[in-house]
Amino acid sequence: MNMSKALAWIASGHLKSRADRRTANIINSLPEEIQKDIGWRWTSNRREKGGKADLKFEII
């Protein structure tokens, strides 16, 4: 693997991770009723802070 391919591989992983975090933050900022309606990891005591989102999205 040459240097440019290695840097592109690292950058793509970083961009995907950033997109996943942003998506989780946006959904977490929605009211609990909407989160429950869309089935977003909802439980009655889900509002703890600092938990890492385990999202597995594919960027198209």
PDB file of N, CA and C in Angstrom:
ATOM      1  N   MET A   1       0.862  -1.173   0.000  1.00  0.00           N
ATOM      2  CA  MET A   1       0.000   0.000   0.000  1.00  0.00           C
ATOM      3  C   MET A   1       0.905   1.231   0.000  1.00  0.00           C
ATOM      4  N   ASN A   2       0.721   2.083  -0.985  1.00  0.00           N
ATOM      5  CA  ASN A   2       1.558   3.278  -1.024  1.00  0.00           C
ATOM      6  C   ASN A   2       1.017   4.344  -0.061  1.00  0.00           C
ATOM      7  N   MET A   3       1.766   5.412   0.086  1.00  0.00           N
ATOM      8  CA  MET A   3       1.457   6.441   1.081  1.00  0.00           C
ATOM      9  C   MET A   3       0.110   7.123   0.822  1.00  0.00           C
ATOM     10  N   SER A   4      -0.206   7.431  -0.421  1.00  0.00           N
ATOM     11  CA  SER A   4      -1.464   8.129  -0.707  1.00  0.00           C
ATOM     12  C   SER A   4      -2.669   7.229  -0.429  1.00  0.00           C
ATOM     13  N   LYS A   5      -2.557   5.938  -0.740  1.00  0.00           N
ATOM     14  CA  LYS A   5      -3.653   5.023  -0.439  1.00  0.00           C
ATOM     15  C   LYS A   5      -3.832   4.856   1.068  1.00  0.00           C
ATOM     16  N   ALA A   6      -2.735   4.816   1.786  1.00  0.00           N
ATOM     17  CA  ALA A   6      -2.802   4.689   3.244  1.00  0.00           C
ATOM     18  C   ALA A   6      -3.477   5.911   3.860  1.00  0.00           C
ATOM     19  N   LEU A   7      -3.112   7.089   3.401  1.00  0.00           N
ATOM     20  CA  LEU A   7      -3.731   8.311   3.921  1.00  0.00           C
ATOM     21  C   LEU A   7      -5.211   8.377   3.567  1.00  0.00           C
ATOM     22  N   ALA A   8      -5.574   7.954   2.364  1.00  0.00           N
ATOM     23  CA  ALA A   8      -6.980   7.941   1.956  1.00  0.00           C
ATOM     24  C   ALA A   8      -7.769   6.963   2.813  1.00  0.00           C
ATOM     25  N   TRP A   9      -7.185   5.826   3.127  1.00  0.00           N
ATOM     26  CA  TRP A   9      -7.837   4.813   3.966  1.00  0.00           C
ATOM     27  C   TRP A   9      -8.078   5.358   5.376  1.00  0.00           C
ATOM     28  N   ILE A  10      -7.073   6.022   5.939  1.00  0.00           N
ATOM     29  CA  ILE A  10      -7.213   6.615   7.278  1.00  0.00           C
ATOM     30  C   ILE A  10      -8.264   7.717   7.261  1.00  0.00           C
ATOM     31  N   ALA A  11      -8.227   8.567   6.251  1.00  0.00           N
ATOM     32  CA  ALA A  11      -9.181   9.675   6.153  1.00  0.00           C
ATOM     33  C   ALA A  11     -10.606   9.167   5.997  1.00  0.00           C
ATOM     34  N   SER A  12     -10.797   8.114   5.214  1.00  0.00           N
ATOM     35  CA  SER A  12     -12.158   7.604   5.027  1.00  0.00           C
ATOM     36  C   SER A  12     -12.711   7.044   6.330  1.00  0.00           C
ATOM     37  N   GLY A  13     -11.879   6.395   7.122  1.00  0.00           N
ATOM     38  CA  GLY A  13     -12.316   5.902   8.424  1.00  0.00           C
ATOM     39  C   GLY A  13     -12.689   7.042   9.354  1.00  0.00           C
ATOM     40  N   HIS A  14     -11.903   8.108   9.324  1.00  0.00           N
ATOM     41  CA  HIS A  14     -12.194   9.272  10.164  1.00  0.00           C
ATOM     42  C   HIS A  14     -13.502   9.940   9.745  1.00  0.00           C
ATOM     43  N   LEU A  15     -13.719  10.086   8.452  1.00  0.00           N
ATOM     44  CA  LEU A  15     -14.944  10.714   7.960  1.00  0.00           C
ATOM     45  C   LEU A  15     -16.171   9.886   8.312  1.00  0.00           C
ATOM     46  N   LYS A  16     -16.066   8.568   8.202  1.00  0.00           N
ATOM     47  CA  LYS A  16     -17.181   7.699   8.548  1.00  0.00           C
ATOM     48  C   LYS A  16     -17.487   7.789  10.042  1.00  0.00           C
ATOM     49  N   SER A  17     -16.458   7.795  10.855  1.00  0.00           N
ATOM     50  CA  SER A  17     -16.641   7.905  12.297  1.00  0.00           C
ATOM     51  C   SER A  17     -17.300   9.231  12.657  1.00  0.00           C
ATOM     52  N   ARG A  18     -16.875  10.300  12.010  1.00  0.00           N
ATOM     53  CA  ARG A  18     -17.455  11.614  12.269  1.00  0.00           C
ATOM     54  C   ARG A  18     -18.924  11.661  11.866  1.00  0.00           C
ATOM     55  N   ALA A  19     -19.242  11.085  10.718  1.00  0.00           N
ATOM     56  CA  ALA A  19     -20.633  11.053  10.252  1.00  0.00           C
ATOM     57  C   ALA A  19     -21.508  10.253  11.219  1.00  0.00           C
ATOM     58  N   ASP A  20     -20.998   9.138  11.729  1.00  0.00           N
ATOM     59  CA  ASP A  20     -21.747   8.327  12.688  1.00  0.00           C
ATOM     60  C   ASP A  20     -22.021   9.101  13.978  1.00  0.00           C
ATOM     61  N   ARG A  21     -21.000   9.809  14.481  1.00  0.00           N
ATOM     62  CA  ARG A  21     -21.178  10.603  15.710  1.00  0.00           C
ATOM     63  C   ARG A  21     -22.187  11.724  15.503  1.00  0.00           C
ATOM     64  N   ARG A  22     -22.110  12.403  14.364  1.00  0.00           N
ATOM     65  CA  ARG A  22     -23.032  13.501  14.097  1.00  0.00           C
ATOM     66  C   ARG A  22     -24.465  12.996  14.000  1.00  0.00           C
ATOM     67  N   THR A  23     -24.652  11.849  13.345  1.00  0.00           N
ATOM     68  CA  THR A  23     -25.992  11.266  13.231  1.00  0.00           C
ATOM     69  C   THR A  23     -26.541  10.912  14.605  1.00  0.00           C
ATOM     70  N   ALA A  24     -25.713  10.284  15.435  1.00  0.00           N
ATOM     71  CA  ALA A  24     -26.151   9.918  16.786  1.00  0.00           C
ATOM     72  C   ALA A  24     -26.499  11.161  17.596  1.00  0.00           C
ATOM     73  N   ASN A  25     -25.706  12.205  17.490  1.00  0.00           N
ATOM     74  CA  ASN A  25     -25.983  13.441  18.234  1.00  0.00           C
ATOM     75  C   ASN A  25     -27.288  14.086  17.786  1.00  0.00           C
ATOM     76  N   ILE A  26     -27.553  14.074  16.485  1.00  0.00           N
ATOM     77  CA  ILE A  26     -28.787  14.655  15.969  1.00  0.00           C
ATOM     78  C   ILE A  26     -29.993  13.879  16.480  1.00  0.00           C
ATOM     79  N   ILE A  27     -29.929  12.557  16.395  1.00  0.00           N
ATOM     80  CA  ILE A  27     -31.061  11.747  16.854  1.00  0.00           C
ATOM     81  C   ILE A  27     -31.224  11.854  18.362  1.00  0.00           C
ATOM     82  N   ASN A  28     -30.113  11.904  19.108  1.00  0.00           N
ATOM     83  CA  ASN A  28     -30.194  12.034  20.559  1.00  0.00           C
ATOM     84  C   ASN A  28     -30.793  13.370  20.984  1.00  0.00           C
ATOM     85  N   SER A  29     -30.694  14.384  20.137  1.00  0.00           N
ATOM     86  CA  SER A  29     -31.244  15.689  20.487  1.00  0.00           C
ATOM     87  C   SER A  29     -32.755  15.776  20.252  1.00  0.00           C
ATOM     88  N   LEU A  30     -33.325  14.773  19.581  1.00  0.00           N
ATOM     89  CA  LEU A  30     -34.771  14.750  19.369  1.00  0.00           C
ATOM     90  C   LEU A  30     -35.500  14.463  20.680  1.00  0.00           C
ATOM     91  N   PRO A  31     -36.752  14.891  20.798  1.00  0.00           N
ATOM     92  CA  PRO A  31     -37.534  14.566  21.989  1.00  0.00           C
ATOM     93  C   PRO A  31     -37.667  13.051  22.161  1.00  0.00           C
ATOM     94  N   GLU A  32     -37.812  12.623  23.417  1.00  0.00           N
ATOM     95  CA  GLU A  32     -37.891  11.194  23.717  1.00  0.00           C
ATOM     96  C   GLU A  32     -39.035  10.503  22.986  1.00  0.00           C
ATOM     97  N   GLU A  33     -40.145  11.205  22.803  1.00  0.00           N
ATOM     98  CA  GLU A  33     -41.292  10.600  22.126  1.00  0.00           C
ATOM     99  C   GLU A  33     -40.943  10.217  20.691  1.00  0.00           C
ATOM    100  N   ILE A  34     -40.223  11.098  20.014  1.00  0.00           N
ATOM    101  CA  ILE A  34     -39.837  10.817  18.628  1.00  0.00           C
ATOM    102  C   ILE A  34     -38.809   9.699  18.589  1.00  0.00           C
ATOM    103  N   GLN A  35     -37.847   9.723  19.516  1.00  0.00           N
ATOM    104  CA  GLN A  35     -36.857   8.645  19.569  1.00  0.00           C
ATOM    105  C   GLN A  35     -37.544   7.298  19.769  1.00  0.00           C
ATOM    106  N   LYS A  36     -38.552   7.279  20.623  1.00  0.00           N
ATOM    107  CA  LYS A  36     -39.277   6.039  20.876  1.00  0.00           C
ATOM    108  C   LYS A  36     -40.045   5.608  19.629  1.00  0.00           C
ATOM    109  N   ASP A  37     -40.661   6.563  18.930  1.00  0.00           N
ATOM    110  CA  ASP A  37     -41.428   6.253  17.725  1.00  0.00           C
ATOM    111  C   ASP A  37     -40.559   5.639  16.621  1.00  0.00           C
ATOM    112  N   ILE A  38     -39.340   6.118  16.489  1.00  0.00           N
ATOM    113  CA  ILE A  38     -38.467   5.595  15.438  1.00  0.00           C
ATOM    114  C   ILE A  38     -37.635   4.405  15.908  1.00  0.00           C
ATOM    115  N   GLY A  39     -37.782   4.030  17.185  1.00  0.00           N
ATOM    116  CA  GLY A  39     -37.074   2.858  17.694  1.00  0.00           C
ATOM    117  C   GLY A  39     -35.604   3.088  17.948  1.00  0.00           C
ATOM    118  N   TRP A  40     -35.237   4.282  18.357  1.00  0.00           N
ATOM    119  CA  TRP A  40     -33.844   4.624  18.582  1.00  0.00           C
ATOM    120  C   TRP A  40     -33.424   4.237  19.997  1.00  0.00           C
ATOM    121  N   ARG A  41     -32.904   3.051  20.168  1.00  0.00           N
ATOM    122  CA  ARG A  41     -32.334   2.567  21.422  1.00  0.00           C
ATOM    123  C   ARG A  41     -33.034   3.133  22.650  1.00  0.00           C
ATOM    124  N   TRP A  42     -34.343   3.110  22.663  1.00  0.00           N
ATOM    125  CA  TRP A  42     -35.095   3.788  23.713  1.00  0.00           C
ATOM    126  C   TRP A  42     -35.455   2.848  24.846  1.00  0.00           C
ATOM    127  N   THR A  43     -35.218   3.309  26.064  1.00  0.00           N
ATOM    128  CA  THR A  43     -35.746   2.675  27.269  1.00  0.00           C
ATOM    129  C   THR A  43     -36.209   3.805  28.175  1.00  0.00           C
ATOM    130  N   SER A  44     -36.941   3.480  29.214  1.00  0.00           N
ATOM    131  CA  SER A  44     -37.481   4.532  30.080  1.00  0.00           C
ATOM    132  C   SER A  44     -36.391   5.283  30.839  1.00  0.00           C
ATOM    133  N   ASN A  45     -35.225   4.701  31.035  1.00  0.00           N
ATOM    134  CA  ASN A  45     -34.144   5.385  31.752  1.00  0.00           C
ATOM    135  C   ASN A  45     -32.923   5.589  30.862  1.00  0.00           C
ATOM    136  N   ARG A  46     -33.123   5.813  29.576  1.00  0.00           N
ATOM    137  CA  ARG A  46     -32.066   5.885  28.593  1.00  0.00           C
ATOM    138  C   ARG A  46     -31.246   7.174  28.629  1.00  0.00           C
ATOM    139  N   ARG A  47     -31.652   8.183  29.304  1.00  0.00           N
ATOM    140  CA  ARG A  47     -31.038   9.500  29.197  1.00  0.00           C
ATOM    141  C   ARG A  47     -29.683   9.653  29.887  1.00  0.00           C
ATOM    142  N   GLU A  48     -28.869   8.614  29.987  1.00  0.00           N
ATOM    143  CA  GLU A  48     -27.547   8.782  30.565  1.00  0.00           C
ATOM    144  C   GLU A  48     -26.646   9.497  29.570  1.00  0.00           C
ATOM    145  N   LYS A  49     -25.712  10.250  30.072  1.00  0.00           N
ATOM    146  CA  LYS A  49     -24.800  11.001  29.205  1.00  0.00           C
ATOM    147  C   LYS A  49     -23.457  10.283  29.134  1.00  0.00           C
ATOM    148  N   GLY A  50     -22.735  10.527  28.081  1.00  0.00           N
ATOM    149  CA  GLY A  50     -21.386  10.013  27.946  1.00  0.00           C
ATOM    150  C   GLY A  50     -21.286   8.643  27.322  1.00  0.00           C
ATOM    151  N   GLY A  51     -22.403   8.033  26.994  1.00  0.00           N
ATOM    152  CA  GLY A  51     -22.345   6.725  26.358  1.00  0.00           C
ATOM    153  C   GLY A  51     -21.931   6.855  24.909  1.00  0.00           C
ATOM    154  N   LYS A  52     -21.116   5.938  24.446  1.00  0.00           N
ATOM    155  CA  LYS A  52     -20.669   5.983  23.064  1.00  0.00           C
ATOM    156  C   LYS A  52     -21.699   5.289  22.182  1.00  0.00           C
ATOM    157  N   ALA A  53     -22.043   5.936  21.101  1.00  0.00           N
ATOM    158  CA  ALA A  53     -23.006   5.350  20.165  1.00  0.00           C
ATOM    159  C   ALA A  53     -22.344   4.254  19.365  1.00  0.00           C
ATOM    160  N   ASP A  54     -23.020   3.127  19.212  1.00  0.00           N
ATOM    161  CA  ASP A  54     -22.503   2.023  18.414  1.00  0.00           C
ATOM    162  C   ASP A  54     -23.277   1.940  17.106  1.00  0.00           C
ATOM    163  N   LEU A  55     -23.041   2.899  16.245  1.00  0.00           N
ATOM    164  CA  LEU A  55     -23.735   2.947  14.974  1.00  0.00           C
ATOM    165  C   LEU A  55     -22.911   2.268  13.897  1.00  0.00           C
ATOM    166  N   LYS A  56     -23.572   1.585  13.029  1.00  0.00           N
ATOM    167  CA  LYS A  56     -22.899   0.935  11.905  1.00  0.00           C
ATOM    168  C   LYS A  56     -23.609   1.337  10.621  1.00  0.00           C
ATOM    169  N   PHE A  57     -23.297   2.519  10.116  1.00  0.00           N
ATOM    170  CA  PHE A  57     -23.901   3.001   8.891  1.00  0.00           C
ATOM    171  C   PHE A  57     -22.927   2.858   7.746  1.00  0.00           C
ATOM    172  N   GLU A  58     -23.442   2.633   6.584  1.00  0.00           N
ATOM    173  CA  GLU A  58     -22.617   2.622   5.382  1.00  0.00           C
ATOM    174  C   GLU A  58     -22.817   3.943   4.652  1.00  0.00           C
ATOM    175  N   ILE A  59     -21.738   4.618   4.341  1.00  0.00           N
ATOM    176  CA  ILE A  59     -21.825   5.881   3.600  1.00  0.00           C
ATOM    177  C   ILE A  59     -21.919   5.561   2.124  1.00  0.00           C
ATOM    178  N   ILE A  60     -22.937   6.091   1.497  1.00  0.00           N
ATOM    179  CA  ILE A  60     -23.159   5.811   0.068  1.00  0.00           C
ATOM    180  C   ILE A  60     -22.660   6.978  -0.745  1.00  0.00           C
TER     181      ILE A  60
END
